[in-house]
Amino acid sequence: MCKNIRHYSRISLQFLIDNDQYGYWGGSANSTQYKDVIGSPYFNVDEMDVTQNGNFWTVTLSGYYFACRQSSSCDGGAAAKLGPGDLYISTGTYNPTGDSATHYSGDTFTSAEGWNYVVPIPVTGEVSGLYALNFDGITMTNTDPLGGTGWIYRSQQAWRRGATGDSLGSASVSLGDTLTFAFDAGKIPFTGTMSFHWAMECGNDVVEGQVPASDVPPVPEPSTLILLGLGLTGIAAYRKLRS
C-alpha cells in the first residue's frame, strides 16, 4: 500500500498526494533520474482527490498541467498536444514494484498488479462509463504527437483504452483546470480498498495509489424489491385485521 495518502476528518474523502515525500513517481529505465515530473512544472499534477458517497465515486486530478494544456504558448504547446489519460481502477490487491522510500520509481503498469476496471475519457461519438478492463487493449504512454523518438518520457504506464464489453455503470468526465471522473460502482465488488492510476500521454507525471473504500451493500434486484413490497403489504393487512 502506497504511503502517499493523507487521511482527513471529512467522511469518505481521501487524497493521493503526488508531490510530497512519499509521492508515487513510477518509471522506466530511461526516466527514473527525472524524479517526480519530467518537464516540470508544465506537466506537474499535484494530487488526486477521491470522494466516495455510497456506490458513487468522484476522482478529481489537479495541477499545473491542466491549465498549461489549455494554452498553445505554454511550454511551446507540448502539454496541449499530449492529452490526459483514462482512469484505471483496481478492486483487488495493490502491489506496485518497489516501496515508498524509492517512490516506486521503477514501477510500470502490469496486469499482475490487479488492475481490472477503467473509466475512459470519451472521444467523439462515445459515452463514458465504467468498464471491465482488457489489458491487451491499453495504449501505453508515448510521445507520438510530438514526432520522433528523441523525447524523454515514462514508458509502460497505462494511458488510454482497454474498455471492453458493455458499461458496468454510468460515468461522466469533466476536463478544464482540473480533470474529474464521476462514476457509479454499484456493480463491482468492494474489498475494503480501491486503487487508482492516471497518467498523461507522455507519462511525464503519474498519479497512483490506494485509498480506503466503504463496504456498500449491493442494490436489491427489482424482483427482491417486489417481494419486499408484498411482505410489507401483508404485514399492514395483518395489523389491520387485528385492529
C-alpha atoms as a PDB file:
ATOM      1  CA  MET A   1       0.000   0.000   0.000  1.00  0.00           C
ATOM      2  CA  CYS A   2       1.473   3.344  -1.018  1.00  0.00           C
ATOM      3  CA  LYS A   3       2.179   5.728   1.836  1.00  0.00           C
ATOM      4  CA  ASN A   4       1.389   8.810  -0.239  1.00  0.00           C
ATOM      5  CA  ILE A   5      -2.070   9.004   1.319  1.00  0.00           C
ATOM      6  CA  ARG A   6      -3.275  11.544   3.850  1.00  0.00           C
ATOM      7  CA  HIS A   7      -6.482  10.995   5.791  1.00  0.00           C
ATOM      8  CA  TYR A   8      -8.833  13.850   6.639  1.00  0.00           C
ATOM      9  CA  SER A   9     -11.675  14.029   9.132  1.00  0.00           C
ATOM     10  CA  ARG A  10     -14.250  14.598   6.402  1.00  0.00           C
ATOM     11  CA  ILE A  11     -16.118  11.373   5.698  1.00  0.00           C
ATOM     12  CA  SER A  12     -15.237   9.489   2.517  1.00  0.00           C
ATOM     13  CA  LEU A  13     -12.589  11.945   1.354  1.00  0.00           C
ATOM     14  CA  GLN A  14      -9.014  10.883   0.658  1.00  0.00           C
ATOM     15  CA  PHE A  15      -6.065  12.429  -1.174  1.00  0.00           C
ATOM     16  CA  LEU A  16      -3.264  10.853  -3.135  1.00  0.00           C
ATOM     17  CA  ILE A  17      -0.521  13.465  -2.817  1.00  0.00           C
ATOM     18  CA  ASP A  18       1.793  13.327  -5.809  1.00  0.00           C
ATOM     19  CA  ASN A  19       4.492  15.772  -4.765  1.00  0.00           C
ATOM     20  CA  ASP A  20       5.191  15.010  -1.102  1.00  0.00           C
ATOM     21  CA  GLN A  21       7.993  12.881   0.345  1.00  0.00           C
ATOM     22  CA  TYR A  22       6.123   9.637  -0.356  1.00  0.00           C
ATOM     23  CA  GLY A  23       4.674  10.572  -3.737  1.00  0.00           C
ATOM     24  CA  TYR A  24       4.485   7.929  -6.450  1.00  0.00           C
ATOM     25  CA  TRP A  25       6.883   8.514  -9.341  1.00  0.00           C
ATOM     26  CA  GLY A  26       6.657   5.324 -11.342  1.00  0.00           C
ATOM     27  CA  GLY A  27       9.047   4.998 -14.225  1.00  0.00           C
ATOM     28  CA  SER A  28      11.099   3.024 -16.640  1.00  0.00           C
ATOM     29  CA  ALA A  29      14.819   2.609 -17.176  1.00  0.00           C
ATOM     30  CA  ASN A  30      15.238   5.847 -19.123  1.00  0.00           C
ATOM     31  CA  SER A  31      13.269   8.162 -16.852  1.00  0.00           C
ATOM     32  CA  THR A  32      13.856   7.493 -13.149  1.00  0.00           C
ATOM     33  CA  GLN A  33      16.536  10.198 -12.986  1.00  0.00           C
ATOM     34  CA  TYR A  34      13.852  12.805 -13.585  1.00  0.00           C
ATOM     35  CA  LYS A  35      12.158  12.144 -10.261  1.00  0.00           C
ATOM     36  CA  ASP A  36       8.528  13.248  -9.895  1.00  0.00           C
ATOM     37  CA  VAL A  37       7.944  15.266 -13.066  1.00  0.00           C
ATOM     38  CA  ILE A  38       9.623  15.276 -16.474  1.00  0.00           C
ATOM     39  CA  GLY A  39       9.431  18.759 -17.997  1.00  0.00           C
ATOM     40  CA  SER A  40       8.447  20.368 -14.679  1.00  0.00           C
ATOM     41  CA  PRO A  41       6.480  22.459 -13.989  1.00  0.00           C
ATOM     42  CA  TYR A  42       4.476  22.200 -17.188  1.00  0.00           C
ATOM     43  CA  PHE A  43       3.480  18.572 -16.631  1.00  0.00           C
ATOM     44  CA  ASN A  44       3.023  18.689 -12.872  1.00  0.00           C
ATOM     45  CA  VAL A  45      -0.058  17.065 -11.317  1.00  0.00           C
ATOM     46  CA  ASP A  46      -0.301  17.785  -7.601  1.00  0.00           C
ATOM     47  CA  GLU A  47      -2.901  15.424  -6.236  1.00  0.00           C
ATOM     48  CA  MET A  48      -5.851  13.150  -6.740  1.00  0.00           C
ATOM     49  CA  ASP A  49      -8.937  13.935  -4.650  1.00  0.00           C
ATOM     50  CA  VAL A  50     -11.128  10.850  -4.104  1.00  0.00           C
ATOM     51  CA  THR A  51     -14.664  11.001  -2.705  1.00  0.00           C
ATOM     52  CA  GLN A  52     -16.978   8.035  -2.112  1.00  0.00           C
ATOM     53  CA  ASN A  53     -20.690   8.527  -1.480  1.00  0.00           C
ATOM     54  CA  GLY A  54     -22.198   5.068  -1.290  1.00  0.00           C
ATOM     55  CA  ASN A  55     -21.740   3.455  -4.693  1.00  0.00           C
ATOM     56  CA  PHE A  56     -20.786   6.732  -6.316  1.00  0.00           C
ATOM     57  CA  TRP A  57     -17.171   7.840  -6.625  1.00  0.00           C
ATOM     58  CA  THR A  58     -15.693  11.151  -7.725  1.00  0.00           C
ATOM     59  CA  VAL A  59     -11.999  11.369  -8.608  1.00  0.00           C
ATOM     60  CA  THR A  60     -10.507  14.805  -9.354  1.00  0.00           C
ATOM     61  CA  LEU A  61      -6.949  15.461 -10.528  1.00  0.00           C
ATOM     62  CA  SER A  62      -5.410  18.913 -10.179  1.00  0.00           C
ATOM     63  CA  GLY A  63      -2.130  20.567 -11.103  1.00  0.00           C
ATOM     64  CA  TYR A  64      -0.422  22.992 -13.447  1.00  0.00           C
ATOM     65  CA  TYR A  65      -0.575  20.541 -16.369  1.00  0.00           C
ATOM     66  CA  PHE A  66      -4.322  21.051 -16.802  1.00  0.00           C
ATOM     67  CA  ALA A  67      -4.050  24.837 -17.002  1.00  0.00           C
ATOM     68  CA  CYS A  68      -0.951  24.665 -19.209  1.00  0.00           C
ATOM     69  CA  ARG A  69      -2.536  22.362 -21.764  1.00  0.00           C
ATOM     70  CA  GLN A  70      -5.237  24.966 -22.463  1.00  0.00           C
ATOM     71  CA  SER A  71      -2.646  27.416 -23.819  1.00  0.00           C
ATOM     72  CA  SER A  72      -0.792  26.836 -27.084  1.00  0.00           C
ATOM     73  CA  SER A  73       2.034  29.085 -25.839  1.00  0.00           C
ATOM     74  CA  CYS A  74       2.670  27.200 -22.585  1.00  0.00           C
ATOM     75  CA  ASP A  75       5.805  25.076 -22.935  1.00  0.00           C
ATOM     76  CA  GLY A  76       5.656  25.538 -26.688  1.00  0.00           C
ATOM     77  CA  GLY A  77       2.283  23.814 -26.773  1.00  0.00           C
ATOM     78  CA  ALA A  78       3.682  20.423 -25.727  1.00  0.00           C
ATOM     79  CA  ALA A  79       1.253  19.947 -22.848  1.00  0.00           C
ATOM     80  CA  ALA A  80      -1.676  20.724 -25.141  1.00  0.00           C
ATOM     81  CA  LYS A  81      -0.524  18.079 -27.622  1.00  0.00           C
ATOM     82  CA  LEU A  82      -0.016  15.351 -25.023  1.00  0.00           C
ATOM     83  CA  GLY A  83      -3.512  14.609 -23.770  1.00  0.00           C
ATOM     84  CA  PRO A  84      -4.808  13.426 -20.382  1.00  0.00           C
ATOM     85  CA  GLY A  85      -5.390   9.741 -19.814  1.00  0.00           C
ATOM     86  CA  ASP A  86      -8.210   7.488 -18.673  1.00  0.00           C
ATOM     87  CA  LEU A  87      -8.790   6.475 -15.042  1.00  0.00           C
ATOM     88  CA  TYR A  88      -7.693   2.902 -14.246  1.00  0.00           C
ATOM     89  CA  ILE A  89      -9.040   1.119 -11.170  1.00  0.00           C
ATOM     90  CA  SER A  90      -8.184  -1.953  -9.107  1.00  0.00           C
ATOM     91  CA  THR A  91     -10.505  -3.512  -6.540  1.00  0.00           C
ATOM     92  CA  GLY A  92      -8.012  -6.230  -5.665  1.00  0.00           C
ATOM     93  CA  THR A  93      -4.558  -6.311  -4.096  1.00  0.00           C
ATOM     94  CA  TYR A  94      -2.397  -3.317  -4.954  1.00  0.00           C
ATOM     95  CA  ASN A  95       1.220  -4.359  -5.117  1.00  0.00           C
ATOM     96  CA  PRO A  96       3.454  -1.940  -7.086  1.00  0.00           C
ATOM     97  CA  THR A  97       7.133  -2.678  -7.644  1.00  0.00           C
ATOM     98  CA  GLY A  98       9.427  -1.073  -5.071  1.00  0.00           C
ATOM     99  CA  ASP A  99       8.490   0.892  -1.962  1.00  0.00           C
ATOM    100  CA  SER A 100       7.743   4.417  -0.760  1.00  0.00           C
ATOM    101  CA  ALA A 101      11.402   5.072   0.104  1.00  0.00           C
ATOM    102  CA  THR A 102      12.209   4.914  -3.614  1.00  0.00           C
ATOM    103  CA  HIS A 103       8.853   6.409  -4.685  1.00  0.00           C
ATOM    104  CA  TYR A 104       8.164   3.181  -6.594  1.00  0.00           C
ATOM    105  CA  SER A 105      10.381   4.770  -9.238  1.00  0.00           C
ATOM    106  CA  GLY A 106      10.829   1.537 -11.184  1.00  0.00           C
ATOM    107  CA  ASP A 107       7.150   0.590 -11.225  1.00  0.00           C
ATOM    108  CA  THR A 108       5.279   0.180 -14.502  1.00  0.00           C
ATOM    109  CA  PHE A 109       1.653  -0.733 -15.231  1.00  0.00           C
ATOM    110  CA  THR A 110       1.331  -4.531 -15.323  1.00  0.00           C
ATOM    111  CA  SER A 111      -1.583  -6.970 -15.241  1.00  0.00           C
ATOM    112  CA  ALA A 112      -0.029  -8.688 -12.212  1.00  0.00           C
ATOM    113  CA  GLU A 113      -0.934  -5.654 -10.081  1.00  0.00           C
ATOM    114  CA  GLY A 114      -4.620  -6.481 -10.397  1.00  0.00           C
ATOM    115  CA  TRP A 115      -5.987  -3.597 -12.471  1.00  0.00           C
ATOM    116  CA  ASN A 116      -9.472  -4.618 -13.575  1.00  0.00           C
ATOM    117  CA  TYR A 117     -11.616  -1.560 -14.484  1.00  0.00           C
ATOM    118  CA  VAL A 118     -11.343   1.663 -16.470  1.00  0.00           C
ATOM    119  CA  VAL A 119     -13.331   4.897 -16.838  1.00  0.00           C
ATOM    120  CA  PRO A 120     -12.353   6.279 -20.267  1.00  0.00           C
ATOM    121  CA  ILE A 121     -12.362   9.852 -21.441  1.00  0.00           C
ATOM    122  CA  PRO A 122     -14.997   9.661 -24.196  1.00  0.00           C
ATOM    123  CA  VAL A 123     -13.944  10.592 -27.721  1.00  0.00           C
ATOM    124  CA  THR A 124     -16.332  11.986 -30.329  1.00  0.00           C
ATOM    125  CA  GLY A 125     -19.479   9.894 -30.544  1.00  0.00           C
ATOM    126  CA  GLU A 126     -18.763   7.863 -27.417  1.00  0.00           C
ATOM    127  CA  VAL A 127     -20.365   7.894 -23.989  1.00  0.00           C
ATOM    128  CA  SER A 128     -18.240   7.338 -20.931  1.00  0.00           C
ATOM    129  CA  GLY A 129     -18.919   4.658 -18.354  1.00  0.00           C
ATOM    130  CA  LEU A 130     -17.259   2.179 -16.013  1.00  0.00           C
ATOM    131  CA  TYR A 131     -15.912  -0.822 -17.941  1.00  0.00           C
ATOM    132  CA  ALA A 132     -14.129  -4.078 -17.266  1.00  0.00           C
ATOM    133  CA  LEU A 133     -10.508  -3.814 -18.391  1.00  0.00           C
ATOM    134  CA  ASN A 134      -8.993  -5.628 -21.351  1.00  0.00           C
ATOM    135  CA  PHE A 135      -5.327  -5.241 -20.528  1.00  0.00           C
ATOM    136  CA  ASP A 136      -4.135  -6.108 -24.029  1.00  0.00           C
ATOM    137  CA  GLY A 137      -6.207  -3.233 -25.447  1.00  0.00           C
ATOM    138  CA  ILE A 138      -4.480  -0.481 -23.456  1.00  0.00           C
ATOM    139  CA  THR A 139      -2.500   2.211 -25.245  1.00  0.00           C
ATOM    140  CA  MET A 140       0.573   2.825 -23.117  1.00  0.00           C
ATOM    141  CA  THR A 141       2.322   6.176 -22.674  1.00  0.00           C
ATOM    142  CA  ASN A 142       4.167   7.565 -25.690  1.00  0.00           C
ATOM    143  CA  THR A 143       5.121  10.864 -27.389  1.00  0.00           C
ATOM    144  CA  ASP A 144       3.655  10.295 -30.858  1.00  0.00           C
ATOM    145  CA  PRO A 145       2.062  13.780 -31.197  1.00  0.00           C
ATOM    146  CA  LEU A 146       5.474  15.422 -30.762  1.00  0.00           C
ATOM    147  CA  GLY A 147       7.063  13.397 -33.543  1.00  0.00           C
ATOM    148  CA  GLY A 148      10.304  11.470 -33.468  1.00  0.00           C
ATOM    149  CA  THR A 149      11.744   9.408 -30.631  1.00  0.00           C
ATOM    150  CA  GLY A 150      14.156  11.880 -29.042  1.00  0.00           C
ATOM    151  CA  TRP A 151      11.827  12.909 -26.223  1.00  0.00           C
ATOM    152  CA  ILE A 152      12.285  11.500 -22.728  1.00  0.00           C
ATOM    153  CA  TYR A 153       9.120  10.051 -21.218  1.00  0.00           C
ATOM    154  CA  ARG A 154       7.903   7.310 -18.893  1.00  0.00           C
ATOM    155  CA  SER A 155       7.062   4.234 -20.904  1.00  0.00           C
ATOM    156  CA  GLN A 156       4.776   1.340 -19.933  1.00  0.00           C
ATOM    157  CA  GLN A 157       2.290   3.453 -17.980  1.00  0.00           C
ATOM    158  CA  ALA A 158      -1.364   2.967 -18.931  1.00  0.00           C
ATOM    159  CA  TRP A 159      -2.723   5.979 -20.812  1.00  0.00           C
ATOM    160  CA  ARG A 160      -5.954   5.205 -22.694  1.00  0.00           C
ATOM    161  CA  ARG A 161      -8.224   2.444 -23.984  1.00  0.00           C
ATOM    162  CA  GLY A 162      -8.773  -1.052 -22.637  1.00  0.00           C
ATOM    163  CA  ALA A 163     -12.553  -0.772 -22.120  1.00  0.00           C
ATOM    164  CA  THR A 164     -14.350  -3.983 -23.026  1.00  0.00           C
ATOM    165  CA  GLY A 165     -17.973  -5.099 -23.254  1.00  0.00           C
ATOM    166  CA  ASP A 166     -20.967  -3.171 -22.008  1.00  0.00           C
ATOM    167  CA  SER A 167     -20.709  -0.440 -19.406  1.00  0.00           C
ATOM    168  CA  LEU A 168     -20.992  -1.671 -15.810  1.00  0.00           C
ATOM    169  CA  GLY A 169     -22.151   1.728 -14.605  1.00  0.00           C
ATOM    170  CA  SER A 170     -22.709   5.290 -15.718  1.00  0.00           C
ATOM    171  CA  ALA A 171     -19.896   7.834 -15.631  1.00  0.00           C
ATOM    172  CA  SER A 172     -19.151  11.424 -16.559  1.00  0.00           C
ATOM    173  CA  VAL A 173     -15.862  13.167 -17.295  1.00  0.00           C
ATOM    174  CA  SER A 174     -15.177  16.902 -16.967  1.00  0.00           C
ATOM    175  CA  LEU A 175     -11.935  18.488 -18.203  1.00  0.00           C
ATOM    176  CA  GLY A 176     -10.793  22.052 -17.621  1.00  0.00           C
ATOM    177  CA  ASP A 177      -8.458  23.473 -14.970  1.00  0.00           C
ATOM    178  CA  THR A 178      -8.947  20.088 -13.302  1.00  0.00           C
ATOM    179  CA  LEU A 179      -9.937  16.631 -14.566  1.00  0.00           C
ATOM    180  CA  THR A 180     -12.888  14.915 -12.838  1.00  0.00           C
ATOM    181  CA  PHE A 181     -14.190  11.376 -13.251  1.00  0.00           C
ATOM    182  CA  ALA A 182     -17.534  10.559 -11.581  1.00  0.00           C
ATOM    183  CA  PHE A 183     -18.862   7.017 -11.792  1.00  0.00           C
ATOM    184  CA  ASP A 184     -21.340   4.524 -10.340  1.00  0.00           C
ATOM    185  CA  ALA A 185     -19.531   1.469  -8.944  1.00  0.00           C
ATOM    186  CA  GLY A 186     -22.662  -0.320  -7.735  1.00  0.00           C
ATOM    187  CA  LYS A 187     -21.996  -3.395  -9.887  1.00  0.00           C
ATOM    188  CA  ILE A 188     -18.410  -4.017  -8.827  1.00  0.00           C
ATOM    189  CA  PRO A 189     -17.277  -5.584  -5.544  1.00  0.00           C
ATOM    190  CA  PHE A 190     -15.906  -3.534  -2.663  1.00  0.00           C
ATOM    191  CA  THR A 191     -12.988  -5.222  -0.912  1.00  0.00           C
ATOM    192  CA  GLY A 192     -12.016  -2.559   1.611  1.00  0.00           C
ATOM    193  CA  THR A 193      -9.771  -0.574  -0.739  1.00  0.00           C
ATOM    194  CA  MET A 194      -9.771   0.950  -4.206  1.00  0.00           C
ATOM    195  CA  SER A 195      -6.615   1.719  -6.196  1.00  0.00           C
ATOM    196  CA  PHE A 196      -6.345   4.311  -8.959  1.00  0.00           C
ATOM    197  CA  HIS A 197      -3.880   5.047 -11.743  1.00  0.00           C
ATOM    198  CA  TRP A 198      -3.713   8.049 -14.052  1.00  0.00           C
ATOM    199  CA  ALA A 199      -1.140   9.451 -16.490  1.00  0.00           C
ATOM    200  CA  MET A 200      -0.966  11.936 -19.352  1.00  0.00           C
ATOM    201  CA  GLU A 201       0.063  10.689 -22.795  1.00  0.00           C
ATOM    202  CA  CYS A 202       3.825  11.002 -22.217  1.00  0.00           C
ATOM    203  CA  GLY A 203       3.727   9.762 -18.628  1.00  0.00           C
ATOM    204  CA  ASN A 204       5.730  12.833 -17.568  1.00  0.00           C
ATOM    205  CA  ASP A 205       3.740  12.721 -14.353  1.00  0.00           C
ATOM    206  CA  VAL A 206       1.862   9.713 -12.998  1.00  0.00           C
ATOM    207  CA  VAL A 207      -0.511   9.592 -10.027  1.00  0.00           C
ATOM    208  CA  GLU A 208      -1.161   6.207  -8.500  1.00  0.00           C
ATOM    209  CA  GLY A 209      -2.106   4.820  -5.109  1.00  0.00           C
ATOM    210  CA  GLN A 210      -4.692   3.180  -2.901  1.00  0.00           C
ATOM    211  CA  VAL A 211      -7.472   4.607  -0.709  1.00  0.00           C
ATOM    212  CA  PRO A 212      -9.944   3.045   1.752  1.00  0.00           C
ATOM    213  CA  ALA A 213     -13.376   2.070   0.442  1.00  0.00           C
ATOM    214  CA  SER A 214     -16.586   1.713   2.425  1.00  0.00           C
ATOM    215  CA  ASP A 215     -18.333  -1.657   2.222  1.00  0.00           C
ATOM    216  CA  VAL A 216     -21.566  -0.794   0.433  1.00  0.00           C
ATOM    217  CA  PRO A 217     -24.394  -3.398   0.376  1.00  0.00           C
ATOM    218  CA  PRO A 218     -25.472  -4.364  -3.142  1.00  0.00           C
ATOM    219  CA  VAL A 219     -28.550  -2.664  -4.565  1.00  0.00           C
ATOM    220  CA  PRO A 220     -31.529  -5.097  -4.369  1.00  0.00           C
ATOM    221  CA  GLU A 221     -32.690  -6.613  -7.659  1.00  0.00           C
ATOM    222  CA  PRO A 222     -36.129  -5.444  -8.887  1.00  0.00           C
ATOM    223  CA  SER A 223     -37.690  -8.837  -8.053  1.00  0.00           C
ATOM    224  CA  THR A 224     -36.369  -8.571  -4.495  1.00  0.00           C
ATOM    225  CA  LEU A 225     -37.906  -5.140  -4.156  1.00  0.00           C
ATOM    226  CA  ILE A 226     -41.277  -6.505  -5.330  1.00  0.00           C
ATOM    227  CA  LEU A 227     -41.150  -9.333  -2.800  1.00  0.00           C
ATOM    228  CA  LEU A 228     -40.146  -6.919  -0.079  1.00  0.00           C
ATOM    229  CA  GLY A 229     -43.100  -4.705  -1.002  1.00  0.00           C
ATOM    230  CA  LEU A 230     -45.507  -7.662  -0.879  1.00  0.00           C
ATOM    231  CA  GLY A 231     -44.161  -8.632   2.521  1.00  0.00           C
ATOM    232  CA  LEU A 232     -44.719  -5.151   3.885  1.00  0.00           C
ATOM    233  CA  THR A 233     -48.246  -5.152   2.408  1.00  0.00           C
ATOM    234  CA  GLY A 234     -49.001  -8.431   4.147  1.00  0.00           C
ATOM    235  CA  ILE A 235     -47.817  -7.059   7.478  1.00  0.00           C
ATOM    236  CA  ALA A 236     -50.002  -3.990   7.049  1.00  0.00           C
ATOM    237  CA  ALA A 237     -53.086  -6.135   6.266  1.00  0.00           C
ATOM    238  CA  TYR A 238     -52.429  -8.389   9.239  1.00  0.00           C
ATOM    239  CA  ARG A 239     -52.211  -5.420  11.567  1.00  0.00           C
ATOM    240  CA  LYS A 240     -55.422  -4.002  10.148  1.00  0.00           C
ATOM    241  CA  LEU A 241     -57.326  -7.258  10.743  1.00  0.00           C
ATOM    242  CA  ARG A 242     -56.080  -7.425  14.320  1.00  0.00           C
ATOM    243  CA  SER A 243     -57.203  -3.905  14.985  1.00  0.00           C
END
